Amino acid sequence: MNPLFTLALGMAIVIGMIVVLRIGAFLSLITAAIIVSLLAPGDWAFISPKGEWITNVSDVATAFGSTAGKIGIVIAAATIIGKCLMESGAADRIVRSALSFLGVKRGGLALLSSGFVLSIPVFFDTVFYLLVPLARSMYKRTGEGYTRFLVAIAAGAVITHTLVPPTPGPLFMAEKLGVDLATMILAGAAVGIPCALVGLAFAYWIDKKIDIPVRPMPGGEDVPEIDEDQLPGLFASLLPIALPVLLIAGVAFGRPWFEIEGQDPSTAWKIFLIFGDKNVAMLISTFVAMGVYYRQHRPALSQMGAVAETALKSGGLIILITSAGGAFGAMLQKAQVGDAVQGLFAGEATTHALVLMCIGYGLAFLMKIAQGSGTVAMITAVSMLASMLPTSEQLSIHPVYLAMSVGFGSLGLSWMNDSGFWVFSQMGGLTEWETIRTWTALLTLLSVFGFALTCLLATVYPAI
């Protein structure tokens, strides 16, 4: 079977089952993985080293389990951290501190920075739910800028949701492309900051072009604000977010100093390696977040468990989807899609690397338009891109640039098949046309600008 036909068929199955048949992303990806595995070279059934007859489909389960083993604990921990930040009031404290520090006159920047920070462990829709009432409150105090405030929230939140682990999409991309987690976090944040500022500039510009009235929120009145003395301190609120970043990044920065070739590392460094492991770091942060929640509300132990279980219900679905995406990508590799795609391109290594960035961006952009979900677009596109990559020695740029290219592609052209479109529209009180002029235009701008910036950085600093 021609590998390019296999690739096209796999894409058609994923898009068709999600868009036409309205079947969830997990079933679509795992079905595509099984069919691609059957089309891969080799026998459909063979004898294992243990003397048992097994089929190609068993490779799908193996790849599924391998991906789940790499990202499952981190995603599960992130969902609990995000839930505890919301329940304890820590997220509210971060927002109020930003507003207090920057002032109401810089309310757009305050909301942008709050969304930027909170969307690292908390999913976009939850962040938007939290911040929209503050945007409405600020409008009542100033009498202007409602459109600016809404767009600023979205600009800050979508960038880190797209580029910075432990949100599922960036986390999966880092694992799939072999990018160190600390590098992905730091590079995503560094590139995300100028992109967020471009989004803020757009917020100020579009606010002058469109006068969106403050309409009633769905379900009645705004949620009343929590009293200041009921919120945790800023240090305790930021600790669950900052701690895993510091531990994971600390290992990356410490390796050149403490891991000397030919010498046994010190016991202290070995211990730090354990705490800096992404799974351990996120687990520690989970207990810290739960501790902040307990300190603020003194809930019964059963209530503490219920909070964690509620978070894990959403986390479990995300783990299933990302693991299915990993299995799909592994089967594309087995089908020799990479060799077939590489044969279509020729030229110098740097040109080839930029071509791969364009392929990753284009695949994610098209997947976003076709089925709406940015996370699914990232997972599917990077799975296909990973099957095309040359060896790390042949790749002339750091793979983090490929990950960011796919991420920016997944912002794409967000329209009415994207749940984020409706979150922004319904919670903000916008009509569909107003949402297209604000939300859709914003994400398209961030997508194009971010990809252009990534290409520029890959050309100037290819190895980081």
Protein backbone atom coordinates (compact mmCIF):
# COMPACT_ATOMS: atom_id res chain seq x y z
CA MET A 1 0.00 0.00 0.00
CA ASN A 2 1.35 3.44 -0.93
CA PRO A 3 2.29 5.26 2.32
CA LEU A 4 0.89 8.56 1.04
CA PHE A 5 -2.46 6.89 0.41
CA THR A 6 -2.30 5.46 3.93
CA LEU A 7 -1.63 8.97 5.31
CA ALA A 8 -4.55 10.45 3.35
CA LEU A 9 -6.85 7.64 4.46
CA GLY A 10 -5.88 8.11 8.09
CA MET A 11 -6.62 11.84 7.91
CA ALA A 12 -9.93 11.17 6.17
CA ILE A 13 -10.99 8.70 8.87
CA VAL A 14 -10.17 11.12 11.71
CA ILE A 15 -11.88 14.11 10.10
CA GLY A 16 -14.84 12.11 8.77
CA MET A 17 -15.64 10.42 12.07
CA ILE A 18 -15.37 13.66 14.06
CA VAL A 19 -17.05 16.07 11.64
CA VAL A 20 -19.53 13.92 9.71
CA LEU A 21 -20.40 11.11 12.10
CA ARG A 22 -20.00 13.28 15.23
CA ILE A 23 -18.02 10.53 16.97
CA GLY A 24 -15.60 11.65 19.65
CA ALA A 25 -11.90 12.23 19.06
CA PHE A 26 -10.81 9.12 21.01
CA LEU A 27 -12.80 6.65 18.90
CA SER A 28 -11.81 8.45 15.70
CA LEU A 29 -8.08 8.41 16.43
CA ILE A 30 -7.96 4.83 17.69
CA THR A 31 -9.97 3.60 14.68
CA ALA A 32 -7.61 5.38 12.31
CA ALA A 33 -4.64 3.88 14.16
CA ILE A 34 -6.00 0.33 13.77
CA ILE A 35 -6.74 0.73 10.06
CA VAL A 36 -3.33 2.28 9.38
CA SER A 37 -1.65 -0.57 11.26
CA LEU A 38 -3.38 -3.08 9.00
CA LEU A 39 -2.14 -1.21 5.92
CA ALA A 40 1.46 -1.09 7.16
CA PRO A 41 4.06 -3.36 5.51
CA GLY A 42 4.31 -6.89 6.86
CA ASP A 43 1.91 -9.67 7.78
CA TRP A 44 -1.31 -8.92 9.60
CA ALA A 45 -0.57 -11.78 11.98
CA PHE A 46 2.74 -13.26 13.06
CA ILE A 47 4.31 -15.43 15.77
CA SER A 48 5.74 -13.55 18.76
CA PRO A 49 9.04 -14.52 20.46
CA LYS A 50 6.90 -16.40 22.98
CA GLY A 51 5.41 -18.55 20.23
CA GLU A 52 1.99 -16.86 20.26
CA TRP A 53 0.12 -15.66 17.19
CA ILE A 54 -0.49 -11.89 17.44
CA THR A 55 -1.76 -9.24 14.99
CA ASN A 56 -0.63 -5.79 13.97
CA VAL A 57 -3.43 -4.38 16.10
CA SER A 58 -1.45 -5.31 19.22
CA ASP A 59 1.06 -2.63 18.20
CA VAL A 60 -1.71 -0.07 18.51
CA ALA A 61 -2.33 -1.07 22.12
CA THR A 62 1.41 -1.01 22.84
CA ALA A 63 1.81 2.49 21.39
CA PHE A 64 -1.31 3.64 23.25
CA GLY A 65 0.11 2.40 26.54
CA SER A 66 3.52 3.91 25.84
CA THR A 67 2.01 7.37 25.29
CA ALA A 68 -0.22 7.10 28.34
CA GLY A 69 2.82 6.17 30.42
CA LYS A 70 4.62 9.32 29.31
CA ILE A 71 1.86 11.89 29.76
CA GLY A 72 -0.87 10.28 31.91
CA ILE A 73 0.38 11.25 35.38
CA VAL A 74 1.22 14.80 34.34
CA ILE A 75 -2.20 15.46 32.79
CA ALA A 76 -4.04 13.89 35.73
CA ALA A 77 -2.04 16.02 38.17
CA ALA A 78 -2.61 19.18 36.13
CA THR A 79 -6.38 18.72 36.19
CA ILE A 80 -6.39 18.40 39.99
CA ILE A 81 -4.10 21.43 40.36
CA GLY A 82 -6.37 23.51 38.16
CA LYS A 83 -9.49 22.42 40.05
CA CYS A 84 -7.91 23.23 43.42
CA LEU A 85 -6.75 26.64 42.20
CA MET A 86 -10.34 27.46 41.31
CA GLU A 87 -11.95 25.99 44.43
CA SER A 88 -9.47 27.54 46.89
CA GLY A 89 -9.70 31.03 45.42
CA ALA A 90 -6.02 30.96 44.41
CA ALA A 91 -6.88 31.74 40.79
CA ASP A 92 -9.00 34.67 41.95
CA ARG A 93 -6.11 35.92 44.08
CA ILE A 94 -3.70 35.88 41.12
CA VAL A 95 -6.12 37.95 39.04
CA ARG A 96 -6.82 40.48 41.78
CA SER A 97 -3.10 40.88 42.49
CA ALA A 98 -2.45 41.60 38.82
CA LEU A 99 -5.23 44.18 38.78
CA SER A 100 -3.97 45.76 41.98
CA PHE A 101 -0.38 45.94 40.70
CA LEU A 102 -1.16 47.27 37.21
CA GLY A 103 -4.23 49.34 38.05
CA VAL A 104 -7.61 49.65 36.37
CA LYS A 105 -6.19 51.90 33.63
CA ARG A 106 -4.04 48.95 32.56
CA GLY A 107 -6.89 46.51 33.03
CA GLY A 108 -6.34 44.94 29.62
CA LEU A 109 -2.74 44.09 30.49
CA ALA A 110 -3.79 42.80 33.90
CA LEU A 111 -6.39 40.47 32.39
CA LEU A 112 -3.97 39.41 29.66
CA SER A 113 -1.26 38.48 32.19
CA SER A 114 -3.78 36.72 34.42
CA GLY A 115 -5.05 34.61 31.54
CA PHE A 116 -1.46 33.91 30.47
CA VAL A 117 -0.49 32.54 33.90
CA LEU A 118 -3.71 30.73 34.78
CA SER A 119 -4.02 28.90 31.47
CA ILE A 120 -0.83 26.94 32.17
CA PRO A 121 -2.49 24.52 34.65
CA VAL A 122 -6.16 25.47 34.05
CA PHE A 123 -8.08 24.79 30.84
CA PHE A 124 -9.03 27.75 28.66
CA ASP A 125 -12.79 27.60 29.15
CA THR A 126 -12.41 27.59 32.96
CA VAL A 127 -10.04 30.56 32.85
CA PHE A 128 -12.48 32.48 30.67
CA TYR A 129 -15.37 31.71 33.01
CA LEU A 130 -13.30 33.11 35.88
CA LEU A 131 -12.15 36.29 34.18
CA VAL A 132 -15.23 37.41 32.24
CA PRO A 133 -17.07 38.65 35.37
CA LEU A 134 -14.00 40.77 36.17
CA ALA A 135 -14.08 42.22 32.66
CA ARG A 136 -17.72 43.17 33.17
CA SER A 137 -16.92 44.66 36.57
CA MET A 138 -14.07 46.74 35.14
CA TYR A 139 -16.35 48.00 32.38
CA LYS A 140 -18.88 49.16 34.98
CA ARG A 141 -16.11 51.06 36.78
CA THR A 142 -14.59 52.68 33.69
CA GLY A 143 -17.51 52.84 31.28
CA GLU A 144 -15.32 51.70 28.38
CA GLY A 145 -13.13 48.91 27.05
CA TYR A 146 -15.41 45.87 27.32
CA THR A 147 -14.32 44.53 23.94
CA ARG A 148 -10.69 45.23 24.84
CA PHE A 149 -10.99 43.33 28.10
CA LEU A 150 -12.60 40.26 26.51
CA VAL A 151 -10.05 40.02 23.70
CA ALA A 152 -7.15 40.56 26.14
CA ILE A 153 -8.35 37.64 28.29
CA ALA A 154 -8.56 35.39 25.23
CA ALA A 155 -5.14 36.47 23.91
CA GLY A 156 -3.36 35.62 27.16
CA ALA A 157 -5.18 32.36 27.79
CA VAL A 158 -5.00 30.76 24.35
CA ILE A 159 -1.24 31.30 24.00
CA THR A 160 -0.14 29.33 27.05
CA HIS A 161 -2.91 26.79 26.48
CA THR A 162 -1.34 26.21 23.06
CA LEU A 163 2.39 26.39 23.82
CA VAL A 164 3.17 25.70 27.49
CA PRO A 165 2.92 22.30 29.24
CA PRO A 166 1.35 20.77 31.26
CA THR A 167 -1.68 21.56 29.13
CA PRO A 168 -2.30 18.40 27.08
CA GLY A 169 -1.48 19.62 23.57
CA PRO A 170 1.99 21.08 24.27
CA LEU A 171 2.79 18.20 26.60
CA PHE A 172 1.99 15.65 23.91
CA MET A 173 3.96 17.56 21.28
CA ALA A 174 7.02 17.68 23.53
CA GLU A 175 6.88 13.93 24.13
CA LYS A 176 6.23 13.10 20.48
CA LEU A 177 9.05 15.25 19.12
CA GLY A 178 11.55 14.44 21.87
CA VAL A 179 11.65 17.97 23.31
CA ASP A 180 12.82 18.29 26.91
CA LEU A 181 9.89 19.47 29.03
CA ALA A 182 11.85 22.38 30.51
CA THR A 183 12.80 23.55 27.03
CA MET A 184 9.18 23.35 25.89
CA ILE A 185 7.99 25.35 28.90
CA LEU A 186 10.63 28.07 28.60
CA ALA A 187 10.50 28.34 24.80
CA GLY A 188 6.70 28.34 24.77
CA ALA A 189 6.57 31.09 27.40
CA ALA A 190 9.30 33.14 25.70
CA VAL A 191 7.63 33.04 22.28
CA GLY A 192 4.19 33.35 23.85
CA ILE A 193 4.93 36.71 25.51
CA PRO A 194 5.41 38.74 22.30
CA CYS A 195 2.44 36.93 20.74
CA ALA A 196 0.27 37.84 23.73
CA LEU A 197 1.36 41.47 23.45
CA VAL A 198 0.39 41.46 19.77
CA GLY A 199 -2.97 40.10 20.90
CA LEU A 200 -3.24 42.97 23.41
CA ALA A 201 -2.47 45.50 20.67
CA PHE A 202 -5.22 43.94 18.58
CA ALA A 203 -7.55 44.19 21.59
CA TYR A 204 -6.98 47.95 21.80
CA TRP A 205 -7.45 48.33 18.04
CA ILE A 206 -10.62 46.27 17.73
CA ASP A 207 -12.10 48.02 20.78
CA LYS A 208 -12.10 51.25 18.76
CA LYS A 209 -13.72 49.54 15.77
CA ILE A 210 -16.52 47.60 17.49
CA ASP A 211 -18.79 48.82 20.27
CA ILE A 212 -20.08 45.66 21.94
CA PRO A 213 -22.65 46.32 24.67
CA VAL A 214 -22.55 44.47 27.99
CA ARG A 215 -25.43 42.05 27.68
CA PRO A 216 -26.85 39.82 30.47
CA MET A 217 -24.85 36.69 31.15
CA PRO A 218 -26.48 33.30 30.44
CA GLY A 219 -28.31 32.06 33.51
CA GLY A 220 -28.85 35.40 35.23
CA GLU A 221 -26.72 37.78 37.25
CA ASP A 222 -22.96 37.78 37.57
CA VAL A 223 -21.44 35.65 40.31
CA PRO A 224 -20.76 37.82 43.40
CA GLU A 225 -17.13 38.46 44.24
CA ILE A 226 -15.50 36.62 47.14
CA ASP A 227 -14.37 38.75 50.06
CA GLU A 228 -10.67 39.58 50.05
CA ASP A 229 -10.01 37.96 53.43
CA GLN A 230 -11.36 34.63 52.17
CA LEU A 231 -8.67 34.27 49.50
CA PRO A 232 -5.22 32.70 49.99
CA GLY A 233 -2.06 34.80 49.79
CA LEU A 234 -0.34 35.46 46.48
CA PHE A 235 2.69 33.27 47.28
CA ALA A 236 0.50 30.27 48.16
CA SER A 237 -1.63 30.90 45.07
CA LEU A 238 1.34 30.97 42.67
CA LEU A 239 3.28 28.12 44.31
CA PRO A 240 1.36 25.22 42.64
CA ILE A 241 2.08 26.79 39.24
CA ALA A 242 5.68 27.88 39.80
CA LEU A 243 6.96 24.86 41.76
CA PRO A 244 6.91 22.21 39.01
CA VAL A 245 8.33 24.71 36.51
CA LEU A 246 11.24 25.48 38.83
CA LEU A 247 11.92 21.82 39.63
CA ILE A 248 11.80 20.65 36.01
CA ALA A 249 13.79 23.62 34.72
CA GLY A 250 16.29 23.21 37.57
CA VAL A 251 17.20 19.73 36.33
CA ALA A 252 17.69 20.99 32.77
CA PHE A 253 19.94 23.87 33.85
CA GLY A 254 21.84 21.82 36.42
CA ARG A 255 22.85 18.92 34.17
CA PRO A 256 25.90 20.64 32.61
CA TRP A 257 27.22 21.44 36.09
CA PHE A 258 26.47 18.27 38.04
CA GLU A 259 26.55 15.51 35.41
CA ILE A 260 30.22 15.26 34.41
CA GLU A 261 31.14 12.49 32.01
CA GLY A 262 33.05 9.69 33.71
CA GLN A 263 32.07 10.80 37.22
CA ASP A 264 29.33 9.47 39.47
CA PRO A 265 26.86 12.29 40.32
CA SER A 266 26.56 13.30 43.95
CA THR A 267 23.81 11.91 46.14
CA ALA A 268 22.29 15.38 46.46
CA TRP A 269 22.01 15.69 42.68
CA LYS A 270 20.46 12.23 42.38
CA ILE A 271 17.83 13.25 44.92
CA PHE A 272 17.15 16.47 43.03
CA LEU A 273 16.76 14.45 39.82
CA ILE A 274 13.93 12.55 41.51
CA PHE A 275 12.16 15.73 42.59
CA GLY A 276 12.78 17.28 39.17
CA ASP A 277 11.19 14.36 37.32
CA LYS A 278 8.08 15.74 35.62
CA ASN A 279 5.79 13.15 37.23
CA VAL A 280 7.13 13.71 40.74
CA ALA A 281 7.23 17.49 40.34
CA MET A 282 3.60 17.59 39.23
CA LEU A 283 2.56 15.22 42.01
CA ILE A 284 4.24 17.44 44.61
CA SER A 285 2.49 20.46 43.14
CA THR A 286 -0.82 18.58 43.32
CA PHE A 287 -0.43 18.06 47.06
CA VAL A 288 0.55 21.71 47.48
CA ALA A 289 -2.57 22.83 45.59
CA MET A 290 -4.75 20.52 47.66
CA GLY A 291 -3.06 21.87 50.80
CA VAL A 292 -3.93 25.44 49.79
CA TYR A 293 -7.53 24.39 49.21
CA TYR A 294 -7.71 22.62 52.58
CA ARG A 295 -6.17 25.56 54.41
CA GLN A 296 -8.73 27.98 52.98
CA HIS A 297 -11.93 25.98 53.40
CA ARG A 298 -11.19 23.16 55.87
CA PRO A 299 -13.36 20.68 53.92
CA ALA A 300 -14.10 17.16 55.05
CA LEU A 301 -11.74 14.54 53.69
CA SER A 302 -14.56 13.12 51.60
CA GLN A 303 -15.04 16.53 50.00
CA MET A 304 -11.32 16.72 49.25
CA GLY A 305 -11.58 13.38 47.49
CA ALA A 306 -14.65 14.53 45.56
CA VAL A 307 -12.75 17.55 44.22
CA ALA A 308 -9.96 15.31 42.94
CA GLU A 309 -12.40 12.82 41.42
CA THR A 310 -14.30 15.58 39.61
CA ALA A 311 -11.06 16.87 38.11
CA LEU A 312 -9.95 13.40 37.04
CA LYS A 313 -13.16 12.81 35.09
CA SER A 314 -12.11 15.45 32.58
CA GLY A 315 -8.45 14.46 32.84
CA GLY A 316 -9.22 10.84 32.03
CA LEU A 317 -10.86 11.76 28.72
CA ILE A 318 -7.88 13.92 27.77
CA ILE A 319 -5.46 11.09 28.55
CA LEU A 320 -7.48 8.73 26.33
CA ILE A 321 -7.48 11.20 23.43
CA THR A 322 -3.76 12.01 23.63
CA SER A 323 -2.82 8.34 23.97
CA ALA A 324 -4.95 7.47 20.96
CA GLY A 325 -3.15 10.21 19.07
CA GLY A 326 0.16 8.68 20.06
CA ALA A 327 -0.96 5.31 18.76
CA PHE A 328 -2.08 6.89 15.48
CA GLY A 329 1.32 8.54 15.03
CA ALA A 330 3.18 5.34 15.81
CA MET A 331 1.20 3.45 13.19
CA LEU A 332 1.95 6.14 10.60
CA GLN A 333 5.64 5.63 11.34
CA LYS A 334 5.20 1.89 10.96
CA ALA A 335 3.49 2.49 7.61
CA GLN A 336 6.68 4.29 6.45
CA VAL A 337 4.86 7.55 5.83
CA GLY A 338 7.95 9.52 6.82
CA ASP A 339 10.16 8.03 4.11
CA ALA A 340 7.49 8.67 1.48
CA VAL A 341 7.01 12.31 2.47
CA GLN A 342 10.75 12.97 2.71
CA GLY A 343 11.10 11.63 -0.82
CA LEU A 344 8.86 14.44 -2.05
CA PHE A 345 11.27 17.12 -0.86
CA ALA A 346 14.85 17.82 -1.71
CA GLY A 347 17.32 20.58 -0.92
CA GLU A 348 19.57 21.78 1.83
CA ALA A 349 18.96 20.73 5.42
CA THR A 350 17.86 24.17 6.61
CA THR A 351 15.36 24.48 3.78
CA HIS A 352 14.10 21.01 4.56
CA ALA A 353 13.64 21.93 8.23
CA LEU A 354 11.61 25.00 7.31
CA VAL A 355 9.56 22.88 4.94
CA LEU A 356 8.80 20.51 7.84
CA MET A 357 7.72 23.50 9.93
CA CYS A 358 5.38 24.58 7.13
CA ILE A 359 3.99 21.04 6.84
CA GLY A 360 3.33 20.86 10.58
CA TYR A 361 1.71 24.29 10.61
CA GLY A 362 -0.42 23.52 7.57
CA LEU A 363 -1.59 20.14 8.87
CA ALA A 364 -2.63 21.62 12.23
CA PHE A 365 -4.30 24.61 10.55
CA LEU A 366 -6.37 22.37 8.28
CA MET A 367 -7.27 20.01 11.13
CA LYS A 368 -8.43 22.98 13.21
CA ILE A 369 -10.68 24.24 10.41
CA ALA A 370 -12.04 20.76 9.75
CA GLN A 371 -12.93 19.59 13.25
CA GLY A 372 -12.65 22.60 15.58
CA SER A 373 -10.60 21.36 18.53
CA GLY A 374 -7.14 22.88 18.85
CA THR A 375 -5.94 20.04 21.08
CA VAL A 376 -7.08 17.38 18.60
CA ALA A 377 -5.49 19.40 15.78
CA MET A 378 -2.17 19.44 17.67
CA ILE A 379 -2.28 15.75 18.54
CA THR A 380 -3.19 14.63 15.02
CA ALA A 381 -0.82 16.97 13.18
CA VAL A 382 2.21 16.30 15.36
CA SER A 383 1.57 12.55 15.14
CA MET A 384 1.70 12.79 11.36
CA LEU A 385 4.68 15.16 11.42
CA ALA A 386 6.67 12.90 13.75
CA SER A 387 6.34 10.06 11.25
CA MET A 388 8.04 12.26 8.60
CA LEU A 389 11.03 13.45 10.60
CA PRO A 390 14.62 12.58 9.76
CA THR A 391 17.00 11.59 12.54
CA SER A 392 17.94 14.22 15.09
CA GLU A 393 21.41 14.44 13.55
CA GLN A 394 19.90 15.28 10.15
CA LEU A 395 17.41 17.82 11.51
CA SER A 396 19.10 21.22 11.36
CA ILE A 397 16.83 22.96 13.90
CA HIS A 398 15.79 22.21 17.46
CA PRO A 399 12.55 20.17 17.42
CA VAL A 400 10.90 22.69 19.76
CA TYR A 401 10.43 24.89 16.68
CA LEU A 402 8.44 22.10 15.05
CA ALA A 403 6.27 21.82 18.15
CA MET A 404 5.57 25.54 18.21
CA SER A 405 4.80 25.53 14.48
CA VAL A 406 2.15 22.87 15.04
CA GLY A 407 0.86 24.78 18.07
CA PHE A 408 0.38 27.99 16.15
CA GLY A 409 -1.25 26.06 13.33
CA SER A 410 -3.77 24.66 15.81
CA LEU A 411 -4.96 28.20 16.61
CA GLY A 412 -5.88 28.42 12.96
CA LEU A 413 -9.18 29.73 11.75
CA SER A 414 -11.49 29.19 14.70
CA TRP A 415 -15.13 29.27 13.74
CA MET A 416 -18.47 27.74 14.75
CA ASN A 417 -17.24 24.15 15.08
CA ASP A 418 -14.80 25.19 17.84
CA SER A 419 -16.09 25.02 21.43
CA GLY A 420 -13.85 27.98 22.28
CA PHE A 421 -15.81 30.08 19.78
CA TRP A 422 -19.01 29.46 21.73
CA VAL A 423 -17.40 29.88 25.15
CA PHE A 424 -16.17 33.32 24.08
CA SER A 425 -19.50 34.19 22.44
CA GLN A 426 -21.90 33.01 25.15
CA MET A 427 -19.94 34.06 28.22
CA GLY A 428 -18.99 37.39 26.68
CA GLY A 429 -22.52 38.09 25.43
CA LEU A 430 -21.49 38.47 21.78
CA THR A 431 -23.40 37.70 18.61
CA GLU A 432 -21.92 35.23 16.13
CA TRP A 433 -20.78 38.03 13.80
CA GLU A 434 -19.19 39.94 16.70
CA THR A 435 -17.39 36.76 17.73
CA ILE A 436 -15.99 36.26 14.22
CA ARG A 437 -14.70 39.85 14.15
CA THR A 438 -13.03 39.49 17.55
CA TRP A 439 -12.29 35.87 18.52
CA THR A 440 -11.77 34.43 15.03
CA ALA A 441 -9.71 37.41 13.91
CA LEU A 442 -7.59 37.27 17.09
CA LEU A 443 -6.72 33.58 16.79
CA THR A 444 -5.94 33.89 13.10
CA LEU A 445 -3.64 36.86 13.81
CA LEU A 446 -1.87 34.99 16.62
CA SER A 447 -1.53 31.91 14.41
CA VAL A 448 0.11 33.77 11.52
CA PHE A 449 2.28 36.09 13.64
CA GLY A 450 3.40 33.27 15.94
CA PHE A 451 4.38 31.02 13.06
CA ALA A 452 6.29 33.84 11.34
CA LEU A 453 8.14 34.58 14.60
CA THR A 454 8.94 30.87 15.04
CA CYS A 455 10.37 30.67 11.51
CA LEU A 456 12.50 33.75 12.17
CA LEU A 457 13.87 32.31 15.41
CA ALA A 458 14.54 28.94 13.76
CA THR A 459 16.58 30.72 11.09
CA VAL A 460 18.56 32.95 13.50
CA TYR A 461 18.96 30.49 16.42
CA PRO A 462 18.40 27.03 14.88
CA ALA A 463 19.97 25.02 17.71
CA ILE A 464 18.79 27.23 20.64
